[in-house]
PDB file of N, CA and C in Angstrom:
ATOM      1  N   MET A   1       0.839  -1.194   0.000  1.00  0.00           N
ATOM      2  CA  MET A   1       0.000   0.000   0.000  1.00  0.00           C
ATOM      3  C   MET A   1       0.875   1.245   0.000  1.00  0.00           C
ATOM      4  N   SER A   2       0.495   2.200  -0.764  1.00  0.00           N
ATOM      5  CA  SER A   2       1.261   3.426  -0.892  1.00  0.00           C
ATOM      6  C   SER A   2       1.141   4.280   0.370  1.00  0.00           C
ATOM      7  N   LYS A   3       2.249   4.874   0.749  1.00  0.00           N
ATOM      8  CA  LYS A   3       2.273   5.728   1.942  1.00  0.00           C
ATOM      9  C   LYS A   3       1.962   7.186   1.606  1.00  0.00           C
ATOM     10  N   GLU A   4       1.931   7.515   0.310  1.00  0.00           N
ATOM     11  CA  GLU A   4       1.690   8.913  -0.067  1.00  0.00           C
ATOM     12  C   GLU A   4       0.198   9.234  -0.001  1.00  0.00           C
ATOM     13  N   LYS A   5      -0.087  10.460   0.402  1.00  0.00           N
ATOM     14  CA  LYS A   5      -1.471  10.940   0.390  1.00  0.00           C
ATOM     15  C   LYS A   5      -1.721  11.615  -0.950  1.00  0.00           C
ATOM     16  N   THR A   6      -2.956  11.549  -1.404  1.00  0.00           N
ATOM     17  CA  THR A   6      -3.336  12.307  -2.585  1.00  0.00           C
ATOM     18  C   THR A   6      -3.757  13.693  -2.110  1.00  0.00           C
ATOM     19  N   ILE A   7      -3.040  14.694  -2.585  1.00  0.00           N
ATOM     20  CA  ILE A   7      -3.331  16.079  -2.199  1.00  0.00           C
ATOM     21  C   ILE A   7      -4.088  16.737  -3.352  1.00  0.00           C
ATOM     22  N   THR A   8      -5.154  17.450  -3.002  1.00  0.00           N
ATOM     23  CA  THR A   8      -5.974  18.130  -4.007  1.00  0.00           C
ATOM     24  C   THR A   8      -6.141  19.597  -3.619  1.00  0.00           C
ATOM     25  N   ASP A   9      -6.669  20.377  -4.549  1.00  0.00           N
ATOM     26  CA  ASP A   9      -6.991  21.768  -4.222  1.00  0.00           C
ATOM     27  C   ASP A   9      -7.919  21.809  -3.001  1.00  0.00           C
ATOM     28  N   ALA A  10      -8.846  20.851  -2.941  1.00  0.00           N
ATOM     29  CA  ALA A  10      -9.861  20.836  -1.881  1.00  0.00           C
ATOM     30  C   ALA A  10      -9.287  20.492  -0.506  1.00  0.00           C
ATOM     31  N   ASN A  11      -8.308  19.568  -0.436  1.00  0.00           N
ATOM     32  CA  ASN A  11      -7.816  19.148   0.879  1.00  0.00           C
ATOM     33  C   ASN A  11      -6.447  19.740   1.239  1.00  0.00           C
ATOM     34  N   PHE A  12      -5.899  20.603   0.399  1.00  0.00           N
ATOM     35  CA  PHE A  12      -4.560  21.160   0.613  1.00  0.00           C
ATOM     36  C   PHE A  12      -4.442  21.877   1.959  1.00  0.00           C
ATOM     37  N   GLN A  13      -5.415  22.701   2.268  1.00  0.00           N
ATOM     38  CA  GLN A  13      -5.398  23.465   3.519  1.00  0.00           C
ATOM     39  C   GLN A  13      -5.264  22.525   4.725  1.00  0.00           C
ATOM     40  N   THR A  14      -6.104  21.500   4.758  1.00  0.00           N
ATOM     41  CA  THR A  14      -6.137  20.569   5.885  1.00  0.00           C
ATOM     42  C   THR A  14      -4.921  19.657   5.910  1.00  0.00           C
ATOM     43  N   GLU A  15      -4.616  19.023   4.762  1.00  0.00           N
ATOM     44  CA  GLU A  15      -3.571  17.999   4.709  1.00  0.00           C
ATOM     45  C   GLU A  15      -2.151  18.565   4.740  1.00  0.00           C
ATOM     46  N   VAL A  16      -1.970  19.787   4.220  1.00  0.00           N
ATOM     47  CA  VAL A  16      -0.618  20.349   4.119  1.00  0.00           C
ATOM     48  C   VAL A  16      -0.421  21.517   5.083  1.00  0.00           C
ATOM     49  N   LEU A  17      -1.199  22.574   4.911  1.00  0.00           N
ATOM     50  CA  LEU A  17      -0.967  23.788   5.686  1.00  0.00           C
ATOM     51  C   LEU A  17      -1.269  23.614   7.172  1.00  0.00           C
ATOM     52  N   GLN A  18      -2.221  22.736   7.511  1.00  0.00           N
ATOM     53  CA  GLN A  18      -2.574  22.531   8.916  1.00  0.00           C
ATOM     54  C   GLN A  18      -1.993  21.236   9.483  1.00  0.00           C
ATOM     55  N   SER A  19      -1.137  20.577   8.734  1.00  0.00           N
ATOM     56  CA  SER A  19      -0.563  19.316   9.198  1.00  0.00           C
ATOM     57  C   SER A  19       0.357  19.550  10.400  1.00  0.00           C
ATOM     58  N   PRO A  20       0.224  18.707  11.438  1.00  0.00           N
ATOM     59  CA  PRO A  20       1.124  18.836  12.583  1.00  0.00           C
ATOM     60  C   PRO A  20       2.557  18.419  12.234  1.00  0.00           C
ATOM     61  N   LYS A  21       2.693  17.578  11.206  1.00  0.00           N
ATOM     62  CA  LYS A  21       4.016  17.124  10.756  1.00  0.00           C
ATOM     63  C   LYS A  21       4.436  17.935   9.533  1.00  0.00           C
ATOM     64  N   PRO A  22       5.755  18.002   9.265  1.00  0.00           N
ATOM     65  CA  PRO A  22       6.194  18.597   7.997  1.00  0.00           C
ATOM     66  C   PRO A  22       5.639  17.777   6.826  1.00  0.00           C
ATOM     67  N   VAL A  23       5.464  18.434   5.685  1.00  0.00           N
ATOM     68  CA  VAL A  23       4.872  17.770   4.518  1.00  0.00           C
ATOM     69  C   VAL A  23       5.743  17.989   3.284  1.00  0.00           C
ATOM     70  N   LEU A  24       5.973  16.921   2.542  1.00  0.00           N
ATOM     71  CA  LEU A  24       6.621  16.986   1.234  1.00  0.00           C
ATOM     72  C   LEU A  24       5.513  16.779   0.211  1.00  0.00           C
ATOM     73  N   VAL A  25       5.370  17.703  -0.738  1.00  0.00           N
ATOM     74  CA  VAL A  25       4.366  17.550  -1.795  1.00  0.00           C
ATOM     75  C   VAL A  25       5.080  17.441  -3.140  1.00  0.00           C
ATOM     76  N   ASP A  26       4.776  16.353  -3.844  1.00  0.00           N
ATOM     77  CA  ASP A  26       5.300  16.117  -5.190  1.00  0.00           C
ATOM     78  C   ASP A  26       4.236  16.586  -6.177  1.00  0.00           C
ATOM     79  N   PHE A  27       4.531  17.663  -6.902  1.00  0.00           N
ATOM     80  CA  PHE A  27       3.622  18.172  -7.937  1.00  0.00           C
ATOM     81  C   PHE A  27       4.003  17.487  -9.243  1.00  0.00           C
ATOM     82  N   TRP A  28       3.043  16.807  -9.868  1.00  0.00           N
ATOM     83  CA  TRP A  28       3.332  15.968 -11.031  1.00  0.00           C
ATOM     84  C   TRP A  28       2.151  15.957 -11.995  1.00  0.00           C
ATOM     85  N   ALA A  29       2.362  15.303 -13.155  1.00  0.00           N
ATOM     86  CA  ALA A  29       1.281  15.066 -14.122  1.00  0.00           C
ATOM     87  C   ALA A  29       1.533  13.722 -14.806  1.00  0.00           C
ATOM     88  N   GLU A  30       0.459  13.102 -15.241  1.00  0.00           N
ATOM     89  CA  GLU A  30       0.504  11.778 -15.874  1.00  0.00           C
ATOM     90  C   GLU A  30       1.410  11.771 -17.111  1.00  0.00           C
ATOM     91  N   TRP A  31       1.381  12.834 -17.905  1.00  0.00           N
ATOM     92  CA  TRP A  31       2.098  12.895 -19.184  1.00  0.00           C
ATOM     93  C   TRP A  31       3.582  13.243 -19.034  1.00  0.00           C
ATOM     94  N   CYS A  32       4.024  13.529 -17.829  1.00  0.00           N
ATOM     95  CA  CYS A  32       5.378  14.026 -17.572  1.00  0.00           C
ATOM     96  C   CYS A  32       6.345  12.863 -17.315  1.00  0.00           C
ATOM     97  N   GLY A  33       7.288  12.648 -18.233  1.00  0.00           N
ATOM     98  CA  GLY A  33       8.259  11.557 -18.107  1.00  0.00           C
ATOM     99  C   GLY A  33       9.086  11.623 -16.828  1.00  0.00           C
ATOM    100  N   PRO A  34       9.733  12.768 -16.553  1.00  0.00           N
ATOM    101  CA  PRO A  34      10.510  12.867 -15.310  1.00  0.00           C
ATOM    102  C   PRO A  34       9.654  12.663 -14.055  1.00  0.00           C
ATOM    103  N   CYS A  35       8.376  13.050 -14.125  1.00  0.00           N
ATOM    104  CA  CYS A  35       7.462  12.835 -12.985  1.00  0.00           C
ATOM    105  C   CYS A  35       7.287  11.340 -12.733  1.00  0.00           C
ATOM    106  N   ARG A  36       7.129  10.578 -13.811  1.00  0.00           N
ATOM    107  CA  ARG A  36       6.956   9.125 -13.673  1.00  0.00           C
ATOM    108  C   ARG A  36       8.233   8.486 -13.128  1.00  0.00           C
ATOM    109  N   MET A  37       9.398   9.023 -13.524  1.00  0.00           N
ATOM    110  CA  MET A  37      10.667   8.517 -12.990  1.00  0.00           C
ATOM    111  C   MET A  37      10.793   8.826 -11.498  1.00  0.00           C
ATOM    112  N   LEU A  38      10.278   9.974 -11.081  1.00  0.00           N
ATOM    113  CA  LEU A  38      10.381  10.397  -9.695  1.00  0.00           C
ATOM    114  C   LEU A  38       9.402   9.646  -8.782  1.00  0.00           C
ATOM    115  N   GLY A  39       8.310   9.142  -9.353  1.00  0.00           N
ATOM    116  CA  GLY A  39       7.279   8.460  -8.562  1.00  0.00           C
ATOM    117  C   GLY A  39       7.804   7.403  -7.602  1.00  0.00           C
ATOM    118  N   PRO A  40       8.595   6.411  -8.089  1.00  0.00           N
ATOM    119  CA  PRO A  40       9.118   5.377  -7.186  1.00  0.00           C
ATOM    120  C   PRO A  40      10.078   5.941  -6.131  1.00  0.00           C
ATOM    121  N   VAL A  41      10.807   6.990  -6.480  1.00  0.00           N
ATOM    122  CA  VAL A  41      11.718   7.641  -5.527  1.00  0.00           C
ATOM    123  C   VAL A  41      10.908   8.244  -4.384  1.00  0.00           C
ATOM    124  N   VAL A  42       9.820   8.938  -4.737  1.00  0.00           N
ATOM    125  CA  VAL A  42       8.961   9.566  -3.724  1.00  0.00           C
ATOM    126  C   VAL A  42       8.325   8.487  -2.844  1.00  0.00           C
ATOM    127  N   GLU A  43       7.952   7.361  -3.439  1.00  0.00           N
ATOM    128  CA  GLU A  43       7.392   6.246  -2.659  1.00  0.00           C
ATOM    129  C   GLU A  43       8.387   5.755  -1.619  1.00  0.00           C
ATOM    130  N   ARG A  44       9.650   5.567  -2.037  1.00  0.00           N
ATOM    131  CA  ARG A  44      10.683   5.099  -1.103  1.00  0.00           C
ATOM    132  C   ARG A  44      10.930   6.133  -0.005  1.00  0.00           C
ATOM    133  N   ILE A  45      10.911   7.413  -0.372  1.00  0.00           N
ATOM    134  CA  ILE A  45      11.078   8.486   0.612  1.00  0.00           C
ATOM    135  C   ILE A  45       9.936   8.433   1.635  1.00  0.00           C
ATOM    136  N   ALA A  46       8.710   8.215   1.156  1.00  0.00           N
ATOM    137  CA  ALA A  46       7.539   8.144   2.047  1.00  0.00           C
ATOM    138  C   ALA A  46       7.693   6.997   3.046  1.00  0.00           C
ATOM    139  N   GLU A  47       8.140   5.844   2.550  1.00  0.00           N
ATOM    140  CA  GLU A  47       8.304   4.685   3.421  1.00  0.00           C
ATOM    141  C   GLU A  47       9.423   4.909   4.431  1.00  0.00           C
ATOM    142  N   ALA A  48      10.532   5.475   3.981  1.00  0.00           N
ATOM    143  CA  ALA A  48      11.704   5.661   4.842  1.00  0.00           C
ATOM    144  C   ALA A  48      11.494   6.730   5.911  1.00  0.00           C
ATOM    145  N   ASN A  49      10.576   7.657   5.661  1.00  0.00           N
ATOM    146  CA  ASN A  49      10.390   8.791   6.567  1.00  0.00           C
ATOM    147  C   ASN A  49       8.980   8.889   7.145  1.00  0.00           C
ATOM    148  N   ALA A  50       8.255   7.782   7.150  1.00  0.00           N
ATOM    149  CA  ALA A  50       6.847   7.790   7.566  1.00  0.00           C
ATOM    150  C   ALA A  50       6.652   8.338   8.977  1.00  0.00           C
ATOM    151  N   ASP A  51       7.650   8.168   9.838  1.00  0.00           N
ATOM    152  CA  ASP A  51       7.531   8.634  11.217  1.00  0.00           C
ATOM    153  C   ASP A  51       7.816  10.138  11.354  1.00  0.00           C
ATOM    154  N   ARG A  52       8.450  10.743  10.348  1.00  0.00           N
ATOM    155  CA  ARG A  52       8.902  12.135  10.441  1.00  0.00           C
ATOM    156  C   ARG A  52       8.073  13.121   9.642  1.00  0.00           C
ATOM    157  N   ILE A  53       7.673  12.718   8.443  1.00  0.00           N
ATOM    158  CA  ILE A  53       6.996  13.653   7.545  1.00  0.00           C
ATOM    159  C   ILE A  53       5.802  12.987   6.864  1.00  0.00           C
ATOM    160  N   VAL A  54       4.917  13.831   6.338  1.00  0.00           N
ATOM    161  CA  VAL A  54       3.812  13.373   5.494  1.00  0.00           C
ATOM    162  C   VAL A  54       4.264  13.587   4.058  1.00  0.00           C
ATOM    163  N   VAL A  55       4.029  12.606   3.208  1.00  0.00           N
ATOM    164  CA  VAL A  55       4.385  12.732   1.797  1.00  0.00           C
ATOM    165  C   VAL A  55       3.104  12.691   0.977  1.00  0.00           C
ATOM    166  N   GLY A  56       2.934  13.699   0.130  1.00  0.00           N
ATOM    167  CA  GLY A  56       1.743  13.767  -0.699  1.00  0.00           C
ATOM    168  C   GLY A  56       2.096  14.007  -2.152  1.00  0.00           C
ATOM    169  N   LYS A  57       1.154  13.650  -3.021  1.00  0.00           N
ATOM    170  CA  LYS A  57       1.313  13.869  -4.457  1.00  0.00           C
ATOM    171  C   LYS A  57       0.122  14.671  -4.955  1.00  0.00           C
ATOM    172  N   MET A  58       0.416  15.693  -5.758  1.00  0.00           N
ATOM    173  CA  MET A  58      -0.661  16.505  -6.318  1.00  0.00           C
ATOM    174  C   MET A  58      -0.557  16.514  -7.833  1.00  0.00           C
ATOM    175  N   ASN A  59      -1.613  16.048  -8.491  1.00  0.00           N
ATOM    176  CA  ASN A  59      -1.681  16.068  -9.947  1.00  0.00           C
ATOM    177  C   ASN A  59      -2.039  17.495 -10.382  1.00  0.00           C
ATOM    178  N   VAL A  60      -1.104  18.148 -11.084  1.00  0.00           N
ATOM    179  CA  VAL A  60      -1.306  19.563 -11.438  1.00  0.00           C
ATOM    180  C   VAL A  60      -2.386  19.759 -12.497  1.00  0.00           C
ATOM    181  N   ASP A  61      -2.658  18.730 -13.288  1.00  0.00           N
ATOM    182  CA  ASP A  61      -3.720  18.851 -14.300  1.00  0.00           C
ATOM    183  C   ASP A  61      -5.102  18.828 -13.652  1.00  0.00           C
ATOM    184  N   GLU A  62      -5.245  18.033 -12.597  1.00  0.00           N
ATOM    185  CA  GLU A  62      -6.537  17.901 -11.918  1.00  0.00           C
ATOM    186  C   GLU A  62      -6.736  18.978 -10.849  1.00  0.00           C
ATOM    187  N   ASN A  63      -5.641  19.588 -10.406  1.00  0.00           N
ATOM    188  CA  ASN A  63      -5.688  20.572  -9.320  1.00  0.00           C
ATOM    189  C   ASN A  63      -4.857  21.799  -9.685  1.00  0.00           C
ATOM    190  N   PRO A  64      -5.407  22.721 -10.467  1.00  0.00           N
ATOM    191  CA  PRO A  64      -4.618  23.855 -10.960  1.00  0.00           C
ATOM    192  C   PRO A  64      -4.408  24.992  -9.961  1.00  0.00           C
ATOM    193  N   ASN A  65      -5.250  25.115  -8.954  1.00  0.00           N
ATOM    194  CA  ASN A  65      -5.207  26.290  -8.080  1.00  0.00           C
ATOM    195  C   ASN A  65      -3.973  26.375  -7.200  1.00  0.00           C
ATOM    196  N   VAL A  66      -3.656  25.292  -6.491  1.00  0.00           N
ATOM    197  CA  VAL A  66      -2.502  25.312  -5.585  1.00  0.00           C
ATOM    198  C   VAL A  66      -1.193  25.497  -6.358  1.00  0.00           C
ATOM    199  N   PRO A  67      -0.956  24.740  -7.443  1.00  0.00           N
ATOM    200  CA  PRO A  67       0.294  24.967  -8.190  1.00  0.00           C
ATOM    201  C   PRO A  67       0.417  26.407  -8.683  1.00  0.00           C
ATOM    202  N   GLN A  68      -0.693  27.003  -9.100  1.00  0.00           N
ATOM    203  CA  GLN A  68      -0.663  28.396  -9.560  1.00  0.00           C
ATOM    204  C   GLN A  68      -0.303  29.325  -8.399  1.00  0.00           C
ATOM    205  N   LYS A  69      -0.883  29.060  -7.226  1.00  0.00           N
ATOM    206  CA  LYS A  69      -0.615  29.888  -6.045  1.00  0.00           C
ATOM    207  C   LYS A  69       0.868  29.877  -5.681  1.00  0.00           C
ATOM    208  N   TYR A  70       1.512  28.727  -5.856  1.00  0.00           N
ATOM    209  CA  TYR A  70       2.918  28.597  -5.487  1.00  0.00           C
ATOM    210  C   TYR A  70       3.865  28.821  -6.671  1.00  0.00           C
ATOM    211  N   GLY A  71       3.312  29.275  -7.791  1.00  0.00           N
ATOM    212  CA  GLY A  71       4.131  29.656  -8.938  1.00  0.00           C
ATOM    213  C   GLY A  71       4.868  28.502  -9.595  1.00  0.00           C
ATOM    214  N   ILE A  72       4.264  27.328  -9.566  1.00  0.00           N
ATOM    215  CA  ILE A  72       4.921  26.168 -10.159  1.00  0.00           C
ATOM    216  C   ILE A  72       4.788  26.233 -11.671  1.00  0.00           C
ATOM    217  N   GLN A  73       5.938  26.276 -12.343  1.00  0.00           N
ATOM    218  CA  GLN A  73       5.940  26.364 -13.799  1.00  0.00           C
ATOM    219  C   GLN A  73       6.511  25.118 -14.452  1.00  0.00           C
ATOM    220  N   GLY A  74       7.378  24.418 -13.732  1.00  0.00           N
ATOM    221  CA  GLY A  74       7.965  23.185 -14.261  1.00  0.00           C
ATOM    222  C   GLY A  74       7.679  22.039 -13.324  1.00  0.00           C
ATOM    223  N   ILE A  75       7.439  20.869 -13.895  1.00  0.00           N
ATOM    224  CA  ILE A  75       7.224  19.692 -13.065  1.00  0.00           C
ATOM    225  C   ILE A  75       8.188  18.604 -13.513  1.00  0.00           C
ATOM    226  N   PRO A  76       8.565  17.705 -12.642  1.00  0.00           N
ATOM    227  CA  PRO A  76       8.123  17.619 -11.256  1.00  0.00           C
ATOM    228  C   PRO A  76       8.735  18.727 -10.393  1.00  0.00           C
ATOM    229  N   THR A  77       7.958  19.147  -9.423  1.00  0.00           N
ATOM    230  CA  THR A  77       8.439  20.073  -8.397  1.00  0.00           C
ATOM    231  C   THR A  77       8.087  19.462  -7.051  1.00  0.00           C
ATOM    232  N   ILE A  78       9.050  19.484  -6.145  1.00  0.00           N
ATOM    233  CA  ILE A  78       8.807  19.031  -4.777  1.00  0.00           C
ATOM    234  C   ILE A  78       8.902  20.258  -3.882  1.00  0.00           C
ATOM    235  N   ILE A  79       7.878  20.456  -3.067  1.00  0.00           N
ATOM    236  CA  ILE A  79       7.920  21.543  -2.087  1.00  0.00           C
ATOM    237  C   ILE A  79       7.814  20.928  -0.691  1.00  0.00           C
ATOM    238  N   PHE A  80       8.713  21.372   0.185  1.00  0.00           N
ATOM    239  CA  PHE A  80       8.704  20.955   1.581  1.00  0.00           C
ATOM    240  C   PHE A  80       8.015  22.043   2.387  1.00  0.00           C
ATOM    241  N   PHE A  81       6.985  21.659   3.135  1.00  0.00           N
ATOM    242  CA  PHE A  81       6.240  22.601   3.973  1.00  0.00           C
ATOM    243  C   PHE A  81       6.510  22.292   5.440  1.00  0.00           C
ATOM    244  N   LYS A  82       6.738  23.340   6.217  1.00  0.00           N
ATOM    245  CA  LYS A  82       6.931  23.195   7.663  1.00  0.00           C
ATOM    246  C   LYS A  82       6.059  24.244   8.328  1.00  0.00           C
ATOM    247  N   SER A  83       5.154  23.818   9.188  1.00  0.00           N
ATOM    248  CA  SER A  83       4.213  24.720   9.876  1.00  0.00           C
ATOM    249  C   SER A  83       3.432  25.582   8.877  1.00  0.00           C
ATOM    250  N   GLY A  84       3.049  24.994   7.761  1.00  0.00           N
ATOM    251  CA  GLY A  84       2.236  25.693   6.769  1.00  0.00           C
ATOM    252  C   GLY A  84       2.999  26.629   5.853  1.00  0.00           C
ATOM    253  N   GLU A  85       4.321  26.710   6.023  1.00  0.00           N
ATOM    254  CA  GLU A  85       5.145  27.599   5.195  1.00  0.00           C
ATOM    255  C   GLU A  85       6.068  26.781   4.298  1.00  0.00           C
ATOM    256  N   VAL A  86       6.411  27.340   3.130  1.00  0.00           N
ATOM    257  CA  VAL A  86       7.361  26.679   2.236  1.00  0.00           C
ATOM    258  C   VAL A  86       8.744  26.741   2.875  1.00  0.00           C
ATOM    259  N   ALA A  87       9.351  25.568   3.074  1.00  0.00           N
ATOM    260  CA  ALA A  87      10.690  25.505   3.659  1.00  0.00           C
ATOM    261  C   ALA A  87      11.749  25.368   2.572  1.00  0.00           C
ATOM    262  N   LYS A  88      11.413  24.679   1.481  1.00  0.00           N
ATOM    263  CA  LYS A  88      12.363  24.484   0.375  1.00  0.00           C
ATOM    264  C   LYS A  88      11.609  23.957  -0.827  1.00  0.00           C
ATOM    265  N   GLN A  89      12.168  24.211  -2.005  1.00  0.00           N
ATOM    266  CA  GLN A  89      11.559  23.747  -3.253  1.00  0.00           C
ATOM    267  C   GLN A  89      12.640  23.164  -4.149  1.00  0.00           C
ATOM    268  N   LEU A  90      12.351  22.015  -4.744  1.00  0.00           N
ATOM    269  CA  LEU A  90      13.248  21.371  -5.704  1.00  0.00           C
ATOM    270  C   LEU A  90      12.485  21.200  -7.007  1.00  0.00           C
ATOM    271  N   VAL A  91      13.103  21.575  -8.122  1.00  0.00           N
ATOM    272  CA  VAL A  91      12.446  21.460  -9.422  1.00  0.00           C
ATOM    273  C   VAL A  91      13.204  20.447 -10.274  1.00  0.00           C
ATOM    274  N   GLY A  92      12.451  19.580 -10.956  1.00  0.00           N
ATOM    275  CA  GLY A  92      13.055  18.567 -11.818  1.00  0.00           C
ATOM    276  C   GLY A  92      13.270  17.263 -11.069  1.00  0.00           C
ATOM    277  N   TYR A  93      13.722  16.256 -11.818  1.00  0.00           N
ATOM    278  CA  TYR A  93      13.982  14.948 -11.214  1.00  0.00           C
ATOM    279  C   TYR A  93      15.092  15.077 -10.174  1.00  0.00           C
ATOM    280  N   GLN A  94      14.910  14.440  -9.039  1.00  0.00           N
ATOM    281  CA  GLN A  94      15.904  14.474  -7.963  1.00  0.00           C
ATOM    282  C   GLN A  94      16.225  13.041  -7.535  1.00  0.00           C
ATOM    283  N   ALA A  95      17.478  12.800  -7.235  1.00  0.00           N
ATOM    284  CA  ALA A  95      17.876  11.489  -6.717  1.00  0.00           C
ATOM    285  C   ALA A  95      17.356  11.340  -5.290  1.00  0.00           C
ATOM    286  N   GLN A  96      17.104  10.099  -4.905  1.00  0.00           N
ATOM    287  CA  GLN A  96      16.586   9.827  -3.564  1.00  0.00           C
ATOM    288  C   GLN A  96      17.522  10.386  -2.488  1.00  0.00           C
ATOM    289  N   GLU A  97      18.826  10.257  -2.701  1.00  0.00           N
ATOM    290  CA  GLU A  97      19.800  10.730  -1.716  1.00  0.00           C
ATOM    291  C   GLU A  97      19.684  12.240  -1.509  1.00  0.00           C
ATOM    292  N   LYS A  98      19.461  12.978  -2.592  1.00  0.00           N
ATOM    293  CA  LYS A  98      19.355  14.432  -2.480  1.00  0.00           C
ATOM    294  C   LYS A  98      18.099  14.821  -1.691  1.00  0.00           C
ATOM    295  N   ILE A  99      16.975  14.172  -1.997  1.00  0.00           N
ATOM    296  CA  ILE A  99      15.722  14.466  -1.286  1.00  0.00           C
ATOM    297  C   ILE A  99      15.886  14.125   0.193  1.00  0.00           C
ATOM    298  N   GLN A 100      16.511  12.972   0.475  1.00  0.00           N
ATOM    299  CA  GLN A 100      16.711  12.554   1.861  1.00  0.00           C
ATOM    300  C   GLN A 100      17.600  13.551   2.605  1.00  0.00           C
ATOM    301  N   LYS A 101      18.622  14.058   1.928  1.00  0.00           N
ATOM    302  CA  LYS A 101      19.534  15.033   2.541  1.00  0.00           C
ATOM    303  C   LYS A 101      18.768  16.300   2.937  1.00  0.00           C
ATOM    304  N   VAL A 102      17.869  16.751   2.055  1.00  0.00           N
ATOM    305  CA  VAL A 102      17.060  17.937   2.354  1.00  0.00           C
ATOM    306  C   VAL A 102      16.160  17.666   3.567  1.00  0.00           C
ATOM    307  N   ILE A 103      15.549  16.484   3.603  1.00  0.00           N
ATOM    308  CA  ILE A 103      14.684  16.125   4.735  1.00  0.00           C
ATOM    309  C   ILE A 103      15.496  16.137   6.028  1.00  0.00           C
ATOM    310  N   ASP A 104      16.686  15.545   5.984  1.00  0.00           N
ATOM    311  CA  ASP A 104      17.531  15.473   7.190  1.00  0.00           C
ATOM    312  C   ASP A 104      17.948  16.865   7.658  1.00  0.00           C
ATOM    313  N   GLU A 105      18.200  17.779   6.695  1.00  0.00           N
ATOM    314  CA  GLU A 105      18.609  19.147   7.048  1.00  0.00           C
ATOM    315  C   GLU A 105      17.427  19.968   7.597  1.00  0.00           C
ATOM    316  N   LEU A 106      16.275  19.844   6.928  1.00  0.00           N
ATOM    317  CA  LEU A 106      15.120  20.651   7.327  1.00  0.00           C
ATOM    318  C   LEU A 106      14.414  20.122   8.569  1.00  0.00           C
ATOM    319  N   PHE A 107      14.347  18.805   8.678  1.00  0.00           N
ATOM    320  CA  PHE A 107      13.569  18.168   9.747  1.00  0.00           C
ATOM    321  C   PHE A 107      14.412  17.149  10.490  1.00  0.00           C
ATOM    322  N   PRO A 108      15.409  17.593  11.251  1.00  0.00           N
ATOM    323  CA  PRO A 108      16.269  16.638  11.944  1.00  0.00           C
ATOM    324  C   PRO A 108      15.483  15.757  12.902  1.00  0.00           C
ATOM    325  N   LYS A 109      15.976  14.543  13.088  1.00  0.00           N
ATOM    326  CA  LYS A 109      15.280  13.592  13.973  1.00  0.00           C
ATOM    327  C   LYS A 109      15.356  14.057  15.410  1.00  0.00           C
TER     328      LYS A 109
END
């Protein structure tokens, strides 16, 4: 079973901005090759960090409002949220080690 939450325009406020835990949101689309490559990486990140952070995926085609609000122009984009604020943003395909390093720096155990 997947550990990632599906984030939508409708549940973004509750699931991300009001989350008691830090949240990583992967902004992606079905037609995006690098997004599909990043999918399994994000899954492994979700499993490895389930106790520390919430990991969510937002389809930008189905949910245009939040990506527009955060000025997302290229996908995949990963945004790390802490206490409802953007803590860091990564654009493009990222290696699992790089994402993990950011998590360790932003949200130490």
